[in-house]
PDB file of N, CA and C in Angstrom:
ATOM      1  N   MET A   1      10.690 -13.664  -7.740  1.00  0.00           N
ATOM      2  CA  MET A   1      11.696 -12.711  -7.351  1.00  0.00           C
ATOM      3  C   MET A   1      11.069 -11.314  -7.296  1.00  0.00           C
ATOM      4  N   GLU A   2      11.346 -10.613  -6.234  1.00  0.00           N
ATOM      5  CA  GLU A   2      10.793  -9.263  -6.090  1.00  0.00           C
ATOM      6  C   GLU A   2      11.518  -8.287  -6.993  1.00  0.00           C
ATOM      7  N   GLN A   3      10.746  -7.338  -7.499  1.00  0.00           N
ATOM      8  CA  GLN A   3      11.254  -6.260  -8.339  1.00  0.00           C
ATOM      9  C   GLN A   3      10.753  -4.954  -7.755  1.00  0.00           C
ATOM     10  N   PHE A   4      11.220  -3.866  -8.327  1.00  0.00           N
ATOM     11  CA  PHE A   4      10.720  -2.558  -7.946  1.00  0.00           C
ATOM     12  C   PHE A   4       9.850  -2.021  -9.077  1.00  0.00           C
ATOM     13  N   TYR A   5       8.712  -1.471  -8.692  1.00  0.00           N
ATOM     14  CA  TYR A   5       7.758  -0.911  -9.645  1.00  0.00           C
ATOM     15  C   TYR A   5       7.528   0.551  -9.315  1.00  0.00           C
ATOM     16  N   LEU A   6       7.418   1.368 -10.345  1.00  0.00           N
ATOM     17  CA  LEU A   6       7.096   2.773 -10.181  1.00  0.00           C
ATOM     18  C   LEU A   6       5.586   2.916 -10.394  1.00  0.00           C
ATOM     19  N   VAL A   7       4.905   3.310  -9.333  1.00  0.00           N
ATOM     20  CA  VAL A   7       3.452   3.451  -9.390  1.00  0.00           C
ATOM     21  C   VAL A   7       3.112   4.924  -9.246  1.00  0.00           C
ATOM     22  N   LYS A   8       2.351   5.450 -10.196  1.00  0.00           N
ATOM     23  CA  LYS A   8       1.922   6.849 -10.162  1.00  0.00           C
ATOM     24  C   LYS A   8       0.451   6.902  -9.742  1.00  0.00           C
ATOM     25  N   VAL A   9       0.201   7.760  -8.758  1.00  0.00           N
ATOM     26  CA  VAL A   9      -1.137   7.873  -8.185  1.00  0.00           C
ATOM     27  C   VAL A   9      -1.594   9.318  -8.281  1.00  0.00           C
ATOM     28  N   LYS A  10      -2.777   9.515  -8.853  1.00  0.00           N
ATOM     29  CA  LYS A  10      -3.381  10.846  -8.908  1.00  0.00           C
ATOM     30  C   LYS A  10      -4.168  11.017  -7.615  1.00  0.00           C
ATOM     31  N   VAL A  11      -3.804  12.056  -6.841  1.00  0.00           N
ATOM     32  CA  VAL A  11      -4.432  12.273  -5.543  1.00  0.00           C
ATOM     33  C   VAL A  11      -5.069  13.653  -5.471  1.00  0.00           C
ATOM     34  N   GLU A  12      -6.091  13.735  -4.671  1.00  0.00           N
ATOM     35  CA  GLU A  12      -6.735  15.000  -4.376  1.00  0.00           C
ATOM     36  C   GLU A  12      -6.316  15.370  -2.957  1.00  0.00           C
ATOM     37  N   PHE A  13      -5.900  16.625  -2.763  1.00  0.00           N
ATOM     38  CA  PHE A  13      -5.468  17.044  -1.434  1.00  0.00           C
ATOM     39  C   PHE A  13      -5.935  18.459  -1.156  1.00  0.00           C
ATOM     40  N   GLU A  14      -5.940  18.801   0.117  1.00  0.00           N
ATOM     41  CA  GLU A  14      -6.385  20.125   0.538  1.00  0.00           C
ATOM     42  C   GLU A  14      -5.165  20.999   0.800  1.00  0.00           C
ATOM     43  N   THR A  15      -5.152  22.199   0.228  1.00  0.00           N
ATOM     44  CA  THR A  15      -4.055  23.140   0.432  1.00  0.00           C
ATOM     45  C   THR A  15      -4.196  23.799   1.805  1.00  0.00           C
ATOM     46  N   ASP A  16      -3.165  24.541   2.186  1.00  0.00           N
ATOM     47  CA  ASP A  16      -3.212  25.272   3.458  1.00  0.00           C
ATOM     48  C   ASP A  16      -4.336  26.298   3.476  1.00  0.00           C
ATOM     49  N   ALA A  17      -4.718  26.777   2.290  1.00  0.00           N
ATOM     50  CA  ALA A  17      -5.804  27.757   2.182  1.00  0.00           C
ATOM     51  C   ALA A  17      -7.182  27.098   2.205  1.00  0.00           C
ATOM     52  N   GLY A  18      -7.223  25.752   2.258  1.00  0.00           N
ATOM     53  CA  GLY A  18      -8.491  25.040   2.325  1.00  0.00           C
ATOM     54  C   GLY A  18      -9.077  24.673   0.982  1.00  0.00           C
ATOM     55  N   LYS A  19      -8.348  24.906  -0.113  1.00  0.00           N
ATOM     56  CA  LYS A  19      -8.848  24.563  -1.447  1.00  0.00           C
ATOM     57  C   LYS A  19      -8.405  23.146  -1.813  1.00  0.00           C
ATOM     58  N   MET A  20      -9.226  22.477  -2.608  1.00  0.00           N
ATOM     59  CA  MET A  20      -8.906  21.129  -3.063  1.00  0.00           C
ATOM     60  C   MET A  20      -8.140  21.208  -4.376  1.00  0.00           C
ATOM     61  N   LYS A  21      -7.050  20.464  -4.467  1.00  0.00           N
ATOM     62  CA  LYS A  21      -6.237  20.395  -5.680  1.00  0.00           C
ATOM     63  C   LYS A  21      -5.930  18.938  -5.969  1.00  0.00           C
ATOM     64  N   THR A  22      -5.517  18.670  -7.205  1.00  0.00           N
ATOM     65  CA  THR A  22      -5.085  17.325  -7.557  1.00  0.00           C
ATOM     66  C   THR A  22      -3.625  17.365  -7.989  1.00  0.00           C
ATOM     67  N   GLY A  23      -2.957  16.259  -7.800  1.00  0.00           N
ATOM     68  CA  GLY A  23      -1.568  16.136  -8.199  1.00  0.00           C
ATOM     69  C   GLY A  23      -1.221  14.676  -8.391  1.00  0.00           C
ATOM     70  N   THR A  24      -0.082  14.433  -9.006  1.00  0.00           N
ATOM     71  CA  THR A  24       0.368  13.066  -9.230  1.00  0.00           C
ATOM     72  C   THR A  24       1.588  12.800  -8.363  1.00  0.00           C
ATOM     73  N   GLU A  25       1.530  11.707  -7.603  1.00  0.00           N
ATOM     74  CA  GLU A  25       2.625  11.303  -6.746  1.00  0.00           C
ATOM     75  C   GLU A  25       3.199   9.992  -7.265  1.00  0.00           C
ATOM     76  N   SER A  26       4.512   9.830  -7.136  1.00  0.00           N
ATOM     77  CA  SER A  26       5.186   8.614  -7.598  1.00  0.00           C
ATOM     78  C   SER A  26       5.669   7.812  -6.398  1.00  0.00           C
ATOM     79  N   TYR A  27       5.466   6.497  -6.458  1.00  0.00           N
ATOM     80  CA  TYR A  27       5.870   5.604  -5.381  1.00  0.00           C
ATOM     81  C   TYR A  27       6.710   4.470  -5.955  1.00  0.00           C
ATOM     82  N   LEU A  28       7.793   4.145  -5.266  1.00  0.00           N
ATOM     83  CA  LEU A  28       8.621   3.009  -5.618  1.00  0.00           C
ATOM     84  C   LEU A  28       8.178   1.862  -4.733  1.00  0.00           C
ATOM     85  N   VAL A  29       7.675   0.780  -5.360  1.00  0.00           N
ATOM     86  CA  VAL A  29       7.071  -0.315  -4.620  1.00  0.00           C
ATOM     87  C   VAL A  29       7.835  -1.605  -4.888  1.00  0.00           C
ATOM     88  N   SER A  30       8.196  -2.309  -3.843  1.00  0.00           N
ATOM     89  CA  SER A  30       8.817  -3.624  -3.966  1.00  0.00           C
ATOM     90  C   SER A  30       7.691  -4.656  -4.028  1.00  0.00           C
ATOM     91  N   ALA A  31       7.614  -5.392  -5.138  1.00  0.00           N
ATOM     92  CA  ALA A  31       6.521  -6.344  -5.330  1.00  0.00           C
ATOM     93  C   ALA A  31       6.950  -7.459  -6.284  1.00  0.00           C
ATOM     94  N   VAL A  32       6.144  -8.509  -6.367  1.00  0.00           N
ATOM     95  CA  VAL A  32       6.455  -9.624  -7.263  1.00  0.00           C
ATOM     96  C   VAL A  32       5.815  -9.462  -8.633  1.00  0.00           C
ATOM     97  N   SER A  33       4.832  -8.543  -8.751  1.00  0.00           N
ATOM     98  CA  SER A  33       4.172  -8.312 -10.039  1.00  0.00           C
ATOM     99  C   SER A  33       3.521  -6.929 -10.013  1.00  0.00           C
ATOM    100  N   VAL A  34       3.079  -6.486 -11.173  1.00  0.00           N
ATOM    101  CA  VAL A  34       2.373  -5.208 -11.262  1.00  0.00           C
ATOM    102  C   VAL A  34       1.101  -5.265 -10.424  1.00  0.00           C
ATOM    103  N   THR A  35       0.401  -6.374 -10.484  1.00  0.00           N
ATOM    104  CA  THR A  35      -0.828  -6.534  -9.715  1.00  0.00           C
ATOM    105  C   THR A  35      -0.547  -6.430  -8.221  1.00  0.00           C
ATOM    106  N   ASP A  36       0.540  -7.039  -7.779  1.00  0.00           N
ATOM    107  CA  ASP A  36       0.933  -6.970  -6.373  1.00  0.00           C
ATOM    108  C   ASP A  36       1.284  -5.533  -5.983  1.00  0.00           C
ATOM    109  N   ALA A  37       1.973  -4.811  -6.858  1.00  0.00           N
ATOM    110  CA  ALA A  37       2.328  -3.414  -6.585  1.00  0.00           C
ATOM    111  C   ALA A  37       1.065  -2.562  -6.443  1.00  0.00           C
ATOM    112  N   GLU A  38       0.101  -2.763  -7.320  1.00  0.00           N
ATOM    113  CA  GLU A  38      -1.156  -2.020  -7.235  1.00  0.00           C
ATOM    114  C   GLU A  38      -1.906  -2.374  -5.956  1.00  0.00           C
ATOM    115  N   ALA A  39      -1.885  -3.643  -5.572  1.00  0.00           N
ATOM    116  CA  ALA A  39      -2.555  -4.069  -4.342  1.00  0.00           C
ATOM    117  C   ALA A  39      -1.916  -3.408  -3.122  1.00  0.00           C
ATOM    118  N   LYS A  40      -0.587  -3.285  -3.117  1.00  0.00           N
ATOM    119  CA  LYS A  40       0.095  -2.635  -2.006  1.00  0.00           C
ATOM    120  C   LYS A  40      -0.269  -1.154  -1.927  1.00  0.00           C
ATOM    121  N   ILE A  41      -0.392  -0.503  -3.088  1.00  0.00           N
ATOM    122  CA  ILE A  41      -0.816   0.903  -3.111  1.00  0.00           C
ATOM    123  C   ILE A  41      -2.254   1.021  -2.607  1.00  0.00           C
ATOM    124  N   ASN A  42      -3.120   0.117  -3.034  1.00  0.00           N
ATOM    125  CA  ASN A  42      -4.511   0.131  -2.561  1.00  0.00           C
ATOM    126  C   ASN A  42      -4.568   0.001  -1.046  1.00  0.00           C
ATOM    127  N   ASP A  43      -3.742  -0.882  -0.482  1.00  0.00           N
ATOM    128  CA  ASP A  43      -3.690  -1.022   0.981  1.00  0.00           C
ATOM    129  C   ASP A  43      -3.192   0.260   1.632  1.00  0.00           C
ATOM    130  N   GLU A  44      -2.166   0.865   1.053  1.00  0.00           N
ATOM    131  CA  GLU A  44      -1.577   2.085   1.603  1.00  0.00           C
ATOM    132  C   GLU A  44      -2.589   3.238   1.607  1.00  0.00           C
ATOM    133  N   PHE A  45      -3.394   3.333   0.560  1.00  0.00           N
ATOM    134  CA  PHE A  45      -4.336   4.447   0.422  1.00  0.00           C
ATOM    135  C   PHE A  45      -5.736   4.118   0.942  1.00  0.00           C
ATOM    136  N   SER A  46      -5.930   2.972   1.538  1.00  0.00           N
ATOM    137  CA  SER A  46      -7.273   2.559   1.964  1.00  0.00           C
ATOM    138  C   SER A  46      -7.901   3.525   2.965  1.00  0.00           C
ATOM    139  N   THR A  47      -7.087   4.227   3.733  1.00  0.00           N
ATOM    140  CA  THR A  47      -7.625   5.175   4.711  1.00  0.00           C
ATOM    141  C   THR A  47      -7.435   6.629   4.291  1.00  0.00           C
ATOM    142  N   TYR A  48      -6.976   6.857   3.058  1.00  0.00           N
ATOM    143  CA  TYR A  48      -6.772   8.225   2.577  1.00  0.00           C
ATOM    144  C   TYR A  48      -8.127   8.920   2.493  1.00  0.00           C
ATOM    145  N   PRO A  49      -8.260  10.121   3.075  1.00  0.00           N
ATOM    146  CA  PRO A  49      -9.582  10.752   3.192  1.00  0.00           C
ATOM    147  C   PRO A  49     -10.133  11.378   1.907  1.00  0.00           C
ATOM    148  N   HIS A  50      -9.312  11.510   0.855  1.00  0.00           N
ATOM    149  CA  HIS A  50      -9.768  12.169  -0.368  1.00  0.00           C
ATOM    150  C   HIS A  50      -9.707  11.192  -1.544  1.00  0.00           C
ATOM    151  N   GLU A  51     -10.143  11.667  -2.705  1.00  0.00           N
ATOM    152  CA  GLU A  51     -10.138  10.845  -3.913  1.00  0.00           C
ATOM    153  C   GLU A  51      -8.704  10.541  -4.352  1.00  0.00           C
ATOM    154  N   TRP A  52      -8.498   9.348  -4.898  1.00  0.00           N
ATOM    155  CA  TRP A  52      -7.206   8.966  -5.453  1.00  0.00           C
ATOM    156  C   TRP A  52      -7.429   7.886  -6.511  1.00  0.00           C
ATOM    157  N   GLU A  53      -6.469   7.747  -7.413  1.00  0.00           N
ATOM    158  CA  GLU A  53      -6.589   6.768  -8.495  1.00  0.00           C
ATOM    159  C   GLU A  53      -5.186   6.376  -8.964  1.00  0.00           C
ATOM    160  N   VAL A  54      -4.972   5.069  -9.114  1.00  0.00           N
ATOM    161  CA  VAL A  54      -3.704   4.596  -9.667  1.00  0.00           C
ATOM    162  C   VAL A  54      -3.724   4.900 -11.164  1.00  0.00           C
ATOM    163  N   LYS A  55      -2.756   5.692 -11.618  1.00  0.00           N
ATOM    164  CA  LYS A  55      -2.704   6.076 -13.033  1.00  0.00           C
ATOM    165  C   LYS A  55      -1.824   5.137 -13.848  1.00  0.00           C
ATOM    166  N   SER A  56      -0.724   4.645 -13.251  1.00  0.00           N
ATOM    167  CA  SER A  56       0.144   3.721 -13.982  1.00  0.00           C
ATOM    168  C   SER A  56       1.002   2.945 -13.004  1.00  0.00           C
ATOM    169  N   ALA A  57       1.468   1.798 -13.471  1.00  0.00           N
ATOM    170  CA  ALA A  57       2.399   0.968 -12.710  1.00  0.00           C
ATOM    171  C   ALA A  57       3.316   0.312 -13.730  1.00  0.00           C
ATOM    172  N   ALA A  58       4.614   0.482 -13.559  1.00  0.00           N
ATOM    173  CA  ALA A  58       5.570  -0.055 -14.517  1.00  0.00           C
ATOM    174  C   ALA A  58       6.801  -0.585 -13.781  1.00  0.00           C
ATOM    175  N   SER A  59       7.381  -1.646 -14.326  1.00  0.00           N
ATOM    176  CA  SER A  59       8.599  -2.189 -13.720  1.00  0.00           C
ATOM    177  C   SER A  59       9.748  -1.230 -13.965  1.00  0.00           C
ATOM    178  N   THR A  60      10.740  -1.280 -13.089  1.00  0.00           N
ATOM    179  CA  THR A  60      11.902  -0.416 -13.216  1.00  0.00           C
ATOM    180  C   THR A  60      13.137  -1.287 -13.389  1.00  0.00           C
ATOM    181  N   ARG A  61      14.251  -0.641 -13.673  1.00  0.00           N
ATOM    182  CA  ARG A  61      15.528  -1.348 -13.786  1.00  0.00           C
ATOM    183  C   ARG A  61      16.318  -1.281 -12.481  1.00  0.00           C
ATOM    184  N   ILE A  62      15.681  -0.791 -11.450  1.00  0.00           N
ATOM    185  CA  ILE A  62      16.338  -0.687 -10.139  1.00  0.00           C
ATOM    186  C   ILE A  62      16.524  -2.095  -9.578  1.00  0.00           C
ATOM    187  N   ILE A  63      17.741  -2.381  -9.157  1.00  0.00           N
ATOM    188  CA  ILE A  63      18.071  -3.709  -8.643  1.00  0.00           C
ATOM    189  C   ILE A  63      17.965  -3.758  -7.132  1.00  0.00           C
ATOM    190  N   LYS A  64      18.444  -2.685  -6.465  1.00  0.00           N
ATOM    191  CA  LYS A  64      18.501  -2.704  -5.023  1.00  0.00           C
ATOM    192  C   LYS A  64      18.454  -1.279  -4.489  1.00  0.00           C
ATOM    193  N   VAL A  65      17.762  -1.088  -3.381  1.00  0.00           N
ATOM    194  CA  VAL A  65      17.742   0.196  -2.693  1.00  0.00           C
ATOM    195  C   VAL A  65      18.620   0.039  -1.464  1.00  0.00           C
ATOM    196  N   ILE A  66      19.604   0.915  -1.350  1.00  0.00           N
ATOM    197  CA  ILE A  66      20.556   0.801  -0.230  1.00  0.00           C
ATOM    198  C   ILE A  66      20.321   1.918   0.754  1.00  0.00           C
TER     199      ILE A  66
END
């Protein structure tokens, strides 16, 4: 059964001024396991041009997104 997982990713991005900064972004992922959620994030970020790292992945109590 699919669940929703909250995955936090630390990303490096370039500001409008051209400086590199890091930040944490949160993603709600529909997956069958934590491993599956991380794999989906890896696929999503496979072409991201800067550094990134999955910091955490946890199941949520969300039942349905409408």
